[in-house]
Protein backbone atom coordinates (compact mmCIF):
# COMPACT_ATOMS: atom_id res chain seq x y z
CA MET A 1 46.39 -73.27 -88.65
CA PHE A 2 44.36 -72.37 -85.69
CA SER A 3 42.81 -68.80 -85.12
CA ARG A 4 44.00 -66.78 -81.88
CA ARG A 5 39.95 -67.16 -81.09
CA GLU A 6 40.03 -71.24 -81.72
CA PHE A 7 43.36 -71.91 -80.24
CA LEU A 8 42.29 -70.13 -77.10
CA MET A 9 38.83 -71.73 -77.01
CA ALA A 10 40.52 -74.91 -77.43
CA ALA A 11 42.93 -74.11 -74.47
CA THR A 12 40.84 -72.84 -72.16
CA ALA A 13 37.78 -75.15 -72.22
CA THR A 14 40.55 -78.04 -71.81
CA SER A 15 41.62 -76.15 -67.97
CA ALA A 16 37.86 -76.07 -67.73
CA LEU A 17 37.41 -80.02 -67.79
CA LEU A 18 40.41 -80.77 -66.14
CA GLY A 19 40.56 -78.54 -62.72
CA SER A 20 38.25 -76.56 -61.10
CA GLY A 21 41.32 -74.14 -60.65
CA MET A 22 42.37 -74.34 -63.82
CA ALA A 23 46.29 -74.90 -62.55
CA GLY A 24 48.32 -77.74 -64.26
CA SER A 25 48.96 -80.40 -67.12
CA TRP A 26 46.27 -78.80 -69.39
CA SER A 27 48.27 -76.32 -71.16
CA ARG A 28 50.19 -79.32 -72.19
CA LEU A 29 47.05 -80.98 -73.56
CA LEU A 30 46.32 -78.66 -75.92
CA ALA A 31 43.05 -80.30 -77.65
CA GLN A 32 43.05 -80.99 -81.43
CA GLN A 33 40.14 -79.09 -82.62
CA ALA A 34 38.20 -75.88 -81.37
CA LEU A 35 36.01 -76.38 -78.68
CA SER A 36 32.47 -74.63 -78.22
CA GLU A 37 31.59 -72.29 -75.77
CA ASP A 38 29.50 -74.96 -73.70
CA GLN A 39 32.76 -76.88 -72.96
CA LEU A 40 34.60 -73.73 -72.85
CA LEU A 41 32.40 -72.81 -69.60
CA GLN A 42 31.52 -76.76 -68.61
CA MET A 43 32.37 -77.58 -64.51
CA GLU A 44 31.42 -80.45 -63.19
CA ALA A 45 28.61 -79.26 -60.68
CA LYS A 46 28.37 -79.77 -57.18
CA GLY A 47 25.66 -79.87 -54.27
CA GLN A 48 22.93 -77.27 -54.28
CA LEU A 49 23.83 -74.04 -54.11
CA THR A 50 26.10 -71.13 -56.57
CA LEU A 51 27.82 -68.15 -55.52
CA VAL A 52 28.89 -66.14 -58.55
CA HIS A 53 31.07 -63.49 -57.76
CA ILE A 54 32.22 -60.42 -59.37
CA THR A 55 34.47 -57.27 -57.81
CA ASP A 56 36.46 -53.91 -58.90
CA ILE A 57 34.97 -53.41 -62.06
CA HIS A 58 35.95 -49.98 -62.06
CA ALA A 59 33.39 -48.90 -64.47
CA GLN A 60 34.50 -51.46 -67.33
CA LEU A 61 32.07 -51.99 -69.82
CA LYS A 62 33.98 -52.86 -72.45
CA PRO A 63 36.80 -55.51 -72.90
CA ILE A 64 40.10 -54.09 -71.90
CA TYR A 65 43.72 -55.36 -71.07
CA PHE A 66 45.10 -55.40 -67.80
CA ARG A 67 48.39 -56.23 -66.68
CA GLU A 68 48.46 -57.87 -63.45
CA PRO A 69 51.28 -56.99 -60.98
CA SER A 70 55.22 -58.59 -61.51
CA ILE A 71 55.48 -56.63 -57.85
CA ASN A 72 53.32 -57.80 -54.68
CA LEU A 73 55.10 -57.99 -51.80
CA GLY A 74 53.66 -59.55 -48.42
CA ILE A 75 55.20 -58.92 -45.05
CA GLY A 76 55.55 -60.51 -41.50
CA ASP A 77 53.46 -63.45 -41.69
CA VAL A 78 51.84 -63.38 -45.40
CA ALA A 79 55.78 -63.06 -46.87
CA GLY A 80 55.21 -65.71 -49.91
CA LYS A 81 52.15 -66.42 -49.49
CA PRO A 82 49.57 -65.86 -52.51
CA PRO A 83 48.15 -63.15 -53.44
CA HIS A 84 51.99 -62.65 -52.41
CA VAL A 85 53.25 -64.40 -55.53
CA THR A 86 53.81 -63.39 -58.85
CA GLY A 87 55.08 -64.38 -62.24
CA ALA A 88 57.18 -66.68 -63.00
CA ASP A 89 56.45 -68.09 -59.05
CA PHE A 90 53.27 -68.21 -59.57
CA LEU A 91 53.29 -70.18 -62.45
CA LYS A 92 55.41 -72.83 -60.63
CA LEU A 93 53.14 -72.70 -57.20
CA TYR A 94 49.82 -73.47 -59.27
CA ASN A 95 51.77 -75.43 -61.69
CA ILE A 96 50.84 -73.20 -64.48
CA GLU A 97 52.14 -73.78 -68.23
CA PRO A 98 54.47 -70.69 -69.57
CA GLY A 99 52.87 -69.11 -72.76
CA SER A 100 49.19 -70.39 -71.65
CA PRO A 101 46.08 -68.34 -71.23
CA ASP A 102 46.66 -69.04 -67.63
CA ALA A 103 50.02 -67.46 -67.13
CA TYR A 104 48.56 -64.59 -69.76
CA ALA A 105 45.13 -64.12 -67.68
CA LEU A 106 46.73 -64.35 -64.15
CA THR A 107 50.22 -62.88 -64.01
CA SER A 108 52.39 -60.70 -65.68
CA GLU A 109 54.85 -62.69 -67.74
CA ASP A 110 55.29 -62.18 -70.94
CA PHE A 111 52.49 -60.03 -71.03
CA GLY A 112 52.90 -57.88 -73.99
CA ALA A 113 53.52 -60.43 -76.24
CA LEU A 114 51.10 -62.98 -75.11
CA ALA A 115 48.49 -60.17 -75.22
CA GLY A 116 48.88 -60.09 -79.03
CA SER A 117 47.55 -64.10 -79.17
CA TYR A 118 45.30 -63.97 -76.36
CA GLY A 119 43.45 -60.91 -76.90
CA LYS A 120 41.65 -58.63 -74.52
CA MET A 121 39.24 -59.91 -71.63
CA GLY A 122 36.20 -58.52 -69.46
CA GLY A 123 33.93 -56.41 -71.18
CA MET A 124 30.23 -56.55 -68.94
CA ASP A 125 28.29 -58.19 -72.26
CA ARG A 126 30.65 -61.28 -72.13
CA VAL A 127 30.55 -61.48 -68.00
CA ALA A 128 26.63 -61.17 -68.52
CA THR A 129 26.99 -64.71 -70.73
CA VAL A 130 28.73 -66.26 -68.30
CA ILE A 131 26.55 -64.98 -65.53
CA LYS A 132 23.09 -66.03 -67.68
CA ARG A 133 24.99 -69.62 -68.51
CA ILE A 134 25.38 -70.89 -64.26
CA ARG A 135 21.79 -69.55 -63.97
CA ALA A 136 20.58 -71.62 -66.49
CA GLU A 137 22.71 -74.67 -65.30
CA ARG A 138 22.13 -74.48 -62.09
CA GLY A 139 18.44 -72.84 -61.75
CA ASP A 140 17.62 -68.95 -60.70
CA ASP A 141 16.57 -70.32 -57.11
CA ASN A 142 20.18 -71.84 -56.76
CA VAL A 143 22.43 -69.17 -57.28
CA LEU A 144 23.44 -65.94 -55.63
CA LEU A 145 25.33 -63.04 -57.42
CA LEU A 146 27.03 -61.19 -55.47
CA ASP A 147 28.68 -57.92 -56.70
CA GLY A 148 31.93 -56.87 -53.97
CA GLY A 149 32.00 -53.10 -55.21
CA ASP A 150 34.31 -50.63 -57.29
CA THR A 151 31.58 -51.24 -58.92
CA TRP A 152 30.41 -47.86 -60.26
CA GLN A 153 33.95 -45.64 -60.75
CA GLY A 154 36.52 -45.89 -62.61
CA SER A 155 35.98 -44.45 -66.94
CA TYR A 156 35.04 -41.10 -68.21
CA THR A 157 31.25 -42.44 -68.55
CA SER A 158 30.93 -43.07 -64.89
CA ASN A 159 32.31 -39.93 -64.17
CA MET A 160 29.82 -38.02 -66.78
CA THR A 161 26.84 -40.22 -65.47
CA LEU A 162 27.86 -40.17 -61.57
CA GLY A 163 27.68 -43.38 -61.71
CA GLN A 164 24.82 -44.23 -63.60
CA ASP A 165 25.92 -46.12 -66.34
CA MET A 166 27.33 -48.65 -64.23
CA VAL A 167 24.37 -48.97 -62.25
CA THR A 168 22.01 -49.54 -65.49
CA VAL A 169 24.11 -51.91 -66.65
CA MET A 170 24.31 -53.60 -63.08
CA ASN A 171 20.40 -53.66 -62.51
CA ALA A 172 20.35 -55.72 -65.80
CA LEU A 173 22.73 -58.07 -63.96
CA LYS A 174 20.44 -59.03 -62.23
CA PRO A 175 22.50 -59.06 -58.55
CA ASP A 176 21.30 -60.30 -55.10
CA ALA A 177 23.70 -58.16 -52.93
CA MET A 178 26.59 -55.49 -53.13
CA THR A 179 28.84 -53.82 -51.18
CA GLY A 180 31.58 -50.55 -51.87
CA HIS A 181 34.31 -48.43 -51.60
CA TRP A 182 34.94 -45.85 -54.48
CA GLU A 183 31.37 -45.43 -54.74
CA PHE A 184 31.21 -43.30 -51.53
CA THR A 185 33.62 -40.78 -53.47
CA TYR A 186 30.37 -39.96 -55.30
CA GLY A 187 29.44 -37.67 -52.28
CA THR A 188 26.45 -38.50 -49.73
CA ASP A 189 23.79 -37.60 -51.60
CA ARG A 190 24.38 -39.08 -55.05
CA VAL A 191 24.96 -42.74 -52.79
CA GLN A 192 21.69 -42.92 -50.99
CA GLU A 193 19.98 -41.32 -54.41
CA LEU A 194 21.77 -44.52 -56.25
CA ILE A 195 20.82 -46.81 -53.31
CA GLU A 196 17.22 -46.00 -53.04
CA SER A 197 17.34 -47.21 -57.59
CA LEU A 198 18.47 -50.29 -57.05
CA PRO A 199 16.62 -53.40 -57.05
CA PHE A 200 18.72 -55.54 -54.91
CA ALA A 201 20.42 -55.34 -51.51
CA PHE A 202 23.68 -52.36 -50.77
CA LEU A 203 24.84 -53.96 -47.98
CA GLY A 204 27.42 -52.29 -45.36
CA SER A 205 27.95 -53.68 -41.73
CA ASN A 206 30.49 -51.24 -40.90
CA ILE A 207 29.31 -48.06 -41.90
CA TYR A 208 27.77 -46.19 -39.16
CA ASP A 209 25.77 -42.81 -38.96
CA ASN A 210 27.97 -40.40 -37.15
CA GLU A 211 24.97 -38.41 -35.73
CA TRP A 212 22.97 -41.03 -34.12
CA ASP A 213 26.23 -44.02 -33.85
CA GLU A 214 23.75 -46.44 -35.51
CA PRO A 215 23.97 -48.49 -38.75
CA ALA A 216 23.62 -46.59 -41.78
CA PHE A 217 23.16 -49.40 -43.90
CA GLU A 218 21.62 -52.84 -44.14
CA ALA A 219 24.02 -54.78 -42.41
CA TRP A 220 22.79 -58.40 -43.38
CA LYS A 221 19.92 -60.41 -45.44
CA MET A 222 19.06 -63.52 -45.53
CA PHE A 223 18.66 -65.47 -48.93
CA GLU A 224 17.11 -68.62 -49.40
CA ARG A 225 18.67 -70.45 -52.16
CA GLY A 226 19.02 -74.18 -53.05
CA GLY A 227 16.98 -74.97 -50.56
CA ALA A 228 19.29 -73.65 -47.81
CA LYS A 229 19.23 -70.21 -45.60
CA VAL A 230 22.32 -67.70 -47.00
CA ALA A 231 23.32 -64.70 -44.76
CA VAL A 232 25.51 -62.60 -46.75
CA ILE A 233 26.89 -60.06 -44.27
CA GLY A 234 28.14 -56.50 -45.88
CA GLN A 235 31.51 -55.46 -45.76
CA ALA A 236 32.58 -51.86 -46.72
CA PHE A 237 36.07 -50.66 -47.06
CA PRO A 238 36.95 -49.73 -43.61
CA TYR A 239 39.83 -46.96 -44.57
CA THR A 240 37.51 -45.36 -47.19
CA PRO A 241 37.35 -41.32 -45.46
CA ILE A 242 41.19 -41.75 -44.54
CA ALA A 243 42.12 -43.37 -48.35
CA ASN A 244 39.31 -41.28 -50.14
CA PRO A 245 37.84 -37.60 -49.06
CA ARG A 246 36.31 -37.27 -45.41
CA TRP A 247 34.49 -34.21 -46.73
CA MET A 248 32.57 -36.27 -49.48
CA MET A 249 30.78 -38.84 -46.82
CA PRO A 250 30.92 -36.54 -43.18
CA GLY A 251 28.16 -38.42 -42.06
CA TRP A 252 28.93 -41.87 -42.20
CA SER A 253 32.13 -43.55 -40.27
CA PHE A 254 33.82 -46.71 -41.36
CA GLY A 255 36.27 -49.49 -39.84
CA ILE A 256 36.92 -53.28 -39.90
CA ARG A 257 34.37 -53.79 -36.67
CA GLU A 258 35.38 -57.54 -36.68
CA GLU A 259 33.02 -57.49 -32.96
CA ASP A 260 29.96 -56.18 -35.40
CA VAL A 261 31.08 -59.33 -37.68
CA ALA A 262 31.32 -62.09 -35.22
CA LYS A 263 27.63 -60.24 -34.00
CA HIS A 264 26.29 -60.45 -37.13
CA VAL A 265 27.44 -63.83 -37.68
CA GLU A 266 25.73 -65.43 -34.54
CA GLU A 267 22.66 -63.39 -35.74
CA ALA A 268 22.54 -65.00 -38.45
CA ARG A 269 23.28 -68.23 -37.28
CA GLU A 270 20.44 -68.30 -34.92
CA GLU A 271 18.04 -67.05 -37.63
CA GLY A 272 18.79 -70.77 -39.25
CA ALA A 273 21.28 -69.72 -41.51
CA ASP A 274 23.03 -73.07 -42.98
CA LEU A 275 25.36 -70.64 -45.08
CA VAL A 276 27.47 -67.49 -43.67
CA VAL A 277 28.77 -65.45 -46.69
CA LEU A 278 30.78 -61.71 -46.00
CA LEU A 279 30.80 -60.13 -49.09
CA SER A 280 34.10 -58.19 -48.35
CA HIS A 281 36.01 -54.97 -49.55
CA ASN A 282 38.19 -55.21 -46.75
CA GLY A 283 41.48 -56.32 -49.10
CA PHE A 284 42.81 -60.02 -49.02
CA ASP A 285 45.01 -59.47 -46.26
CA VAL A 286 42.80 -58.24 -43.66
CA ASP A 287 39.90 -61.07 -44.74
CA ARG A 288 42.75 -63.42 -44.28
CA LYS A 289 43.42 -62.33 -40.58
CA LEU A 290 39.35 -61.57 -40.29
CA ALA A 291 38.74 -65.62 -41.23
CA SER A 292 41.17 -66.29 -38.51
CA ARG A 293 39.86 -64.49 -35.76
CA VAL A 294 36.07 -64.22 -36.17
CA ASP A 295 34.58 -68.33 -36.36
CA GLY A 296 31.55 -69.15 -38.36
CA ILE A 297 32.02 -67.71 -42.15
CA ASP A 298 31.75 -70.38 -44.08
CA VAL A 299 32.68 -68.19 -47.49
CA ILE A 300 34.74 -64.99 -47.63
CA LEU A 301 34.31 -62.87 -51.11
CA THR A 302 37.20 -60.33 -50.71
CA GLY A 303 37.60 -57.79 -52.65
CA HIS A 304 39.64 -54.03 -53.00
CA THR A 305 42.73 -55.51 -53.92
CA HIS A 306 42.48 -57.10 -57.00
CA ASP A 307 43.78 -60.52 -56.45
CA ALA A 308 42.82 -62.69 -58.92
CA LEU A 309 43.90 -66.66 -57.35
CA PRO A 310 42.75 -70.06 -59.23
CA GLU A 311 41.99 -71.59 -56.08
CA PRO A 312 40.51 -70.25 -52.53
CA VAL A 313 43.01 -69.92 -49.61
CA ILE A 314 41.31 -71.52 -46.49
CA VAL A 315 41.70 -69.70 -43.00
CA ASN A 316 39.91 -71.36 -40.02
CA ASP A 317 37.99 -73.50 -41.91
CA THR A 318 36.72 -70.35 -43.93
CA LEU A 319 37.05 -70.59 -48.06
CA VAL A 320 38.57 -67.11 -48.75
CA ILE A 321 38.01 -66.14 -52.84
CA ALA A 322 39.49 -63.75 -54.96
CA SER A 323 37.94 -62.86 -58.34
CA GLY A 324 40.34 -60.65 -59.68
CA SER A 325 39.29 -56.78 -61.29
CA ASN A 326 38.39 -54.93 -64.01
CA GLY A 327 35.59 -57.78 -65.64
CA LYS A 328 38.55 -60.21 -66.04
CA PHE A 329 36.66 -62.80 -64.37
CA VAL A 330 34.00 -64.62 -62.93
CA SER A 331 34.16 -66.67 -59.85
CA ARG A 332 31.27 -69.60 -59.46
CA LEU A 333 31.81 -71.38 -56.43
CA ASP A 334 29.21 -74.45 -56.18
CA LEU A 335 28.89 -75.77 -52.58
CA ASP A 336 27.17 -78.87 -51.17
CA ILE A 337 25.04 -77.76 -47.59
CA ARG A 338 24.19 -80.94 -45.67
CA ASP A 339 22.36 -80.74 -42.01
CA GLY A 340 22.82 -76.64 -41.88
CA LYS A 341 26.73 -76.65 -42.83
CA LEU A 342 28.68 -76.92 -45.76
CA ALA A 343 30.05 -80.25 -46.55
CA GLY A 344 31.86 -79.45 -49.92
CA TYR A 345 32.55 -77.44 -52.73
CA ALA A 346 33.84 -76.67 -56.24
CA TYR A 347 35.32 -73.61 -57.45
CA ARG A 348 36.23 -72.38 -60.60
CA LEU A 349 37.76 -68.72 -61.30
CA ILE A 350 36.47 -68.43 -65.25
CA PRO A 351 38.93 -66.50 -67.22
CA ILE A 352 36.87 -63.49 -69.56
CA PHE A 353 38.70 -64.02 -72.71
CA SER A 354 36.83 -61.67 -74.62
CA ASP A 355 37.86 -63.57 -77.83
CA VAL A 356 36.20 -66.64 -76.89
CA ILE A 357 32.80 -65.59 -75.14
CA THR A 358 29.71 -64.80 -76.93
CA PRO A 359 28.67 -61.22 -76.08
CA ASP A 360 25.45 -61.32 -74.60
CA GLY A 361 23.03 -59.54 -76.95
CA GLU A 362 20.51 -57.58 -74.54
CA MET A 363 23.62 -56.29 -72.66
CA ALA A 364 25.79 -55.56 -75.72
CA ALA A 365 22.68 -53.37 -76.90
CA LEU A 366 22.08 -51.63 -73.27
CA ILE A 367 25.92 -50.72 -73.04
CA ASP A 368 26.21 -49.16 -76.35
CA GLN A 369 23.47 -47.31 -75.04
CA VAL A 370 24.64 -46.05 -72.19
CA ARG A 371 28.27 -45.06 -74.07
CA ALA A 372 26.23 -43.62 -76.73
CA PRO A 373 26.30 -39.93 -75.93
CA TYR A 374 29.90 -40.04 -75.05
CA GLU A 375 31.17 -42.32 -78.14
CA GLN A 376 32.92 -39.56 -80.04
CA ASP A 377 35.03 -38.50 -77.52
CA LEU A 378 35.80 -41.30 -76.13
CA SER A 379 37.10 -43.03 -79.61
CA ARG A 380 39.22 -39.73 -79.99
CA VAL A 381 43.01 -40.60 -80.46
CA LEU A 382 45.75 -38.62 -78.49
CA GLY A 383 48.72 -40.48 -79.61
CA LYS A 384 50.42 -43.74 -79.96
CA THR A 385 53.07 -45.31 -77.09
CA GLU A 386 56.03 -47.07 -78.23
CA ASN A 387 55.60 -48.74 -74.61
CA LEU A 388 54.15 -51.02 -72.52
CA LEU A 389 51.44 -48.66 -70.45
CA TYR A 390 50.54 -50.33 -67.18
CA ARG A 391 49.74 -49.07 -63.48
CA ARG A 392 49.15 -52.25 -61.54
CA GLY A 393 51.88 -53.08 -59.02
CA ASN A 394 53.63 -52.20 -55.55
CA PHE A 395 55.24 -49.14 -57.07
CA ASN A 396 55.72 -47.75 -60.32
CA GLY A 397 54.23 -48.47 -63.02
CA THR A 398 54.60 -46.69 -67.21
CA PHE A 399 51.33 -45.57 -67.18
CA ASP A 400 52.48 -44.10 -63.83
CA ASP A 401 55.63 -42.55 -65.03
CA LEU A 402 53.46 -40.91 -67.83
CA ILE A 403 50.97 -39.17 -65.63
CA CYS A 404 54.47 -38.12 -63.44
CA GLN A 405 56.08 -37.35 -66.44
CA ALA A 406 52.79 -34.80 -67.92
CA LEU A 407 52.45 -33.01 -64.18
CA LEU A 408 56.13 -32.30 -64.07
CA GLU A 409 56.68 -30.58 -67.63
CA GLU A 410 53.03 -28.99 -67.91
CA ARG A 411 53.03 -28.12 -63.47
CA ASP A 412 56.99 -26.66 -63.73
CA ALA A 413 57.50 -28.42 -60.79
CA GLN A 414 60.70 -30.31 -59.69
CA ILE A 415 58.61 -33.43 -58.08
CA ALA A 416 55.55 -35.30 -58.95
CA LEU A 417 53.40 -37.66 -56.95
CA SER A 418 50.79 -39.80 -58.45
CA PRO A 419 48.67 -41.70 -55.81
CA GLY A 420 48.94 -45.80 -55.85
CA PHE A 421 45.42 -46.53 -57.26
CA ARG A 422 45.46 -50.20 -58.14
CA TRP A 423 42.61 -49.23 -60.81
CA GLY A 424 43.49 -47.94 -64.45
CA THR A 425 43.77 -50.12 -67.50
CA SER A 426 46.61 -51.44 -70.18
CA LEU A 427 47.96 -50.42 -72.96
CA LEU A 428 50.07 -52.40 -75.96
CA PRO A 429 53.29 -51.14 -77.39
CA GLY A 430 52.30 -49.34 -80.63
CA GLN A 431 48.60 -48.96 -79.60
CA GLU A 432 46.64 -45.86 -79.88
CA ILE A 433 46.10 -43.80 -76.70
CA THR A 434 42.54 -42.53 -76.46
CA PHE A 435 40.69 -39.93 -74.55
CA GLU A 436 38.91 -43.40 -72.98
CA ASP A 437 42.35 -44.99 -72.35
CA VAL A 438 43.21 -41.61 -70.25
CA HIS A 439 40.25 -41.70 -68.11
CA ASN A 440 40.37 -45.11 -67.21
CA ALA A 441 43.43 -44.26 -65.44
CA CYS A 442 42.26 -41.15 -63.89
CA ALA A 443 38.86 -40.92 -63.80
CA MET A 444 37.72 -39.43 -60.36
CA THR A 445 35.20 -37.03 -58.70
CA TYR A 446 38.60 -34.91 -56.85
CA PRO A 447 40.87 -34.83 -60.02
CA ALA A 448 42.40 -31.43 -59.10
CA ALA A 449 46.38 -31.04 -60.21
CA TYR A 450 47.92 -29.47 -57.71
CA ARG A 451 51.23 -27.26 -57.45
CA SER A 452 52.85 -26.85 -54.17
CA THR A 453 56.24 -26.67 -52.16
CA MET A 454 56.92 -29.35 -49.87
CA SER A 455 59.71 -29.70 -47.51
CA GLY A 456 62.19 -32.51 -48.42
CA GLN A 457 61.06 -33.88 -45.15
CA MET A 458 57.86 -33.54 -45.66
CA LEU A 459 58.18 -35.94 -48.70
CA LYS A 460 59.82 -38.04 -47.10
CA ASP A 461 57.09 -38.09 -44.20
CA ILE A 462 54.54 -38.42 -47.10
CA LEU A 463 56.82 -41.61 -48.35
CA GLU A 464 56.97 -43.16 -45.18
CA ASP A 465 53.18 -42.58 -43.88
CA VAL A 466 51.76 -44.30 -47.22
CA ALA A 467 54.90 -47.21 -47.29
CA ASP A 468 53.15 -47.25 -43.69
CA ASN A 469 49.62 -48.29 -44.86
CA LEU A 470 50.86 -50.95 -47.16
CA PHE A 471 53.45 -52.72 -45.41
CA ASN A 472 52.57 -52.53 -42.03
CA LYS A 473 53.03 -56.11 -40.55
CA ASP A 474 49.67 -55.47 -39.36
CA PRO A 475 46.90 -56.01 -41.70
CA TYR A 476 44.28 -54.45 -39.53
CA TYR A 477 46.23 -51.58 -40.08
CA GLN A 478 46.60 -51.66 -43.92
CA GLN A 479 44.76 -49.16 -45.64
CA GLY A 480 44.92 -49.61 -49.10
CA GLY A 481 46.93 -49.21 -52.35
CA ASP A 482 50.28 -49.01 -53.41
CA MET A 483 53.31 -46.78 -53.15
CA VAL A 484 52.69 -42.87 -54.10
CA ARG A 485 54.30 -43.07 -57.76
CA VAL A 486 57.09 -40.12 -57.88
CA GLY A 487 58.43 -38.55 -60.97
CA GLY A 488 61.51 -36.55 -60.51
CA MET A 489 62.82 -37.99 -57.04
CA GLY A 490 64.38 -41.15 -56.11
CA TYR A 491 64.38 -43.36 -53.31
CA THR A 492 65.14 -46.83 -51.39
CA ILE A 493 62.45 -48.70 -49.48
CA ASP A 494 62.68 -51.36 -47.37
CA PRO A 495 59.44 -52.85 -46.43
CA ASP A 496 60.43 -54.86 -43.08
CA LYS A 497 61.57 -51.72 -41.31
CA GLU A 498 59.05 -49.52 -38.88
CA ILE A 499 57.56 -46.53 -39.94
CA GLY A 500 59.94 -44.05 -40.34
CA GLU A 501 62.63 -45.87 -41.24
CA ARG A 502 61.62 -47.17 -44.38
CA ILE A 503 62.57 -44.59 -47.08
CA THR A 504 66.47 -43.96 -47.27
CA ASN A 505 68.48 -42.10 -50.26
CA MET A 506 66.19 -39.63 -51.25
CA THR A 507 67.78 -37.87 -54.61
CA LEU A 508 66.44 -35.08 -56.68
CA LEU A 509 67.22 -36.71 -60.54
CA SER A 510 67.52 -33.61 -61.98
CA SER A 511 70.48 -33.15 -60.37
CA ASP A 512 71.57 -35.87 -58.34
CA GLU A 513 71.57 -34.30 -55.36
CA ALA A 514 70.40 -36.02 -52.30
CA ILE A 515 66.12 -34.37 -51.09
CA ASP A 516 67.57 -31.72 -48.03
CA PRO A 517 64.89 -32.07 -45.39
CA ALA A 518 65.31 -28.87 -44.51
CA ARG A 519 64.59 -27.21 -48.27
CA ASP A 520 61.63 -26.75 -50.13
CA TYR A 521 60.53 -28.33 -53.65
CA VAL A 522 57.93 -27.83 -56.29
CA VAL A 523 56.20 -30.53 -56.02
CA ALA A 524 53.27 -31.17 -58.63
CA GLY A 525 50.27 -34.20 -57.80
CA TRP A 526 46.78 -35.38 -57.79
CA ALA A 527 43.66 -36.86 -56.22
CA SER A 528 44.39 -34.91 -52.93
CA VAL A 529 41.58 -35.74 -50.29
CA ASN A 530 41.85 -31.94 -49.52
CA GLU A 531 38.95 -30.27 -49.75
CA GLU A 532 40.33 -26.55 -50.89
CA THR A 533 42.23 -28.57 -53.77
CA GLU A 534 43.02 -26.09 -56.83
CA GLY A 535 44.14 -27.24 -60.03
CA PRO A 536 43.10 -28.55 -63.67
CA PRO A 537 41.81 -32.02 -63.79
CA ILE A 538 44.64 -34.49 -63.95
CA TRP A 539 42.83 -35.82 -67.35
CA ASP A 540 43.75 -32.81 -68.98
CA VAL A 541 47.00 -32.67 -67.70
CA VAL A 542 48.44 -35.78 -69.51
CA GLU A 543 46.09 -34.43 -72.92
CA SER A 544 48.08 -31.26 -73.00
CA HIS A 545 51.52 -33.07 -72.49
CA ILE A 546 50.63 -36.23 -74.70
CA SER A 547 49.50 -33.49 -77.11
CA LYS A 548 53.07 -32.10 -77.33
CA ASN A 549 54.51 -35.50 -77.38
CA PRO A 550 52.15 -37.75 -79.30
CA VAL A 551 54.78 -40.66 -79.37
CA VAL A 552 55.39 -41.86 -76.35
CA ARG A 553 58.66 -43.45 -74.99
CA LEU A 554 59.32 -43.62 -72.16
CA PRO A 555 62.77 -44.65 -70.13
CA ASP A 556 63.44 -47.46 -67.78
CA ASN A 557 62.35 -46.56 -64.01
CA GLN A 558 64.90 -47.56 -61.62
CA SER A 559 64.55 -44.51 -59.36
CA VAL A 560 62.76 -46.91 -56.66
CA THR A 561 65.22 -48.88 -55.16
CA LEU A 562 63.74 -52.12 -52.89
CA ALA A 563 66.46 -52.57 -50.00
CA GLY A 564 67.16 -56.69 -49.14
């Protein structure tokens, strides 16, 4: 009888042996014996250069559960294209066996049941093991490790240390460059302080100093690896001062700045670059459009939208790589450079199954060290959940429902609004809810839970605005995140409509009455971008609610209807 560890090692290792994309017949050819970690991480090498990509870790140092979305809608030209394929359709597209380790890692299908078999994923000590193995195999001089950002935010310890815990850990991992997004929410002074402490490049080609209208950060950097000259251009999240508080970074302006990207590609080629890489936090659809319009980019390492794809998407001869989030995956891209250009590649999206990959001892000790001052708080049990708690997806997840329920009851409100963040880990049915779990869903630098009045028309305008940010047919106008989560209110949405026409049938659930545009309603929410927002931090609101309701039981949420 196999243990869970033995079964998972065998199944996943067979994947590594039979295909770079993990998708295919391997799950029907389960090995008859447990395989070693050597076999688990084996990949047939190609070329002389390897790019290793991690992104959107969101300060998750330890192994976690993280459920991928069941709804990830694509609009316009990208409808039905990866990454806007989920669940059973994703399994069919990539020929992945239902119930297999890849089905668990890459989709929401049977997530709760499969999590019991395959366990947690991620953990920066496991990530360190994988990266060290790649470097040992390929040679340090042939490997570039690139971090796509959203690294320093998303946990209690990152909040308490203002990102220092993650900087300490990442410095030990020794990346060659990074870019950013949520990093900037620590404020200008703190961001500059942390960047000055980095022994590697922080790249942001699309960030300008407002006063001097000149680049605020290093735009790109040339590396020599594997006998090739590799230019890495950094692209921070273009809408940072819109999606997050502008007052936290008043001296910087952001944007897609497509012309700047094209200029940097040309500069890099003129300086002899054999390979041009865009280290991006644009989001997948933005990068897909950018690749179609800017020639000369060989690889885009995309981030922000947390997509995990087992194969590159090729656009205009550009390989677009999506490496997931929360430390669940490490991307390895082997490249064959000949005569100054890309001649071939091999790709492997490595799933970080924490029961299989041996923790790196040095990294594990460092993680324990940075967490030690906070362990007593982190492990404190607040309650227990009977539901699978998750956030990721275009509309309400169950963790969002719990937060909205807390806002309604603790803030004595009729309607609750919770932001559509993509970060936040998952909890299984029957699992205890700890202090750390709540902060993994709430930890940020502007957490005030406000209570105010809003007219019905204002509520509709908010929903319409967020919907346009998410479902605008032009990816360059998509500003990130998912739909604002709602409590106490229902509505119908048609993503294919234009702004002002997507939201209908708004209903106050307590009375089943239609929302009156002219009437005021008591609304509670959190994460307002307004500087003067007042209220208790959202984690206190959620903890107080759980203390009164220590066993979480959530009804099925059917308040949002998807038209069409």
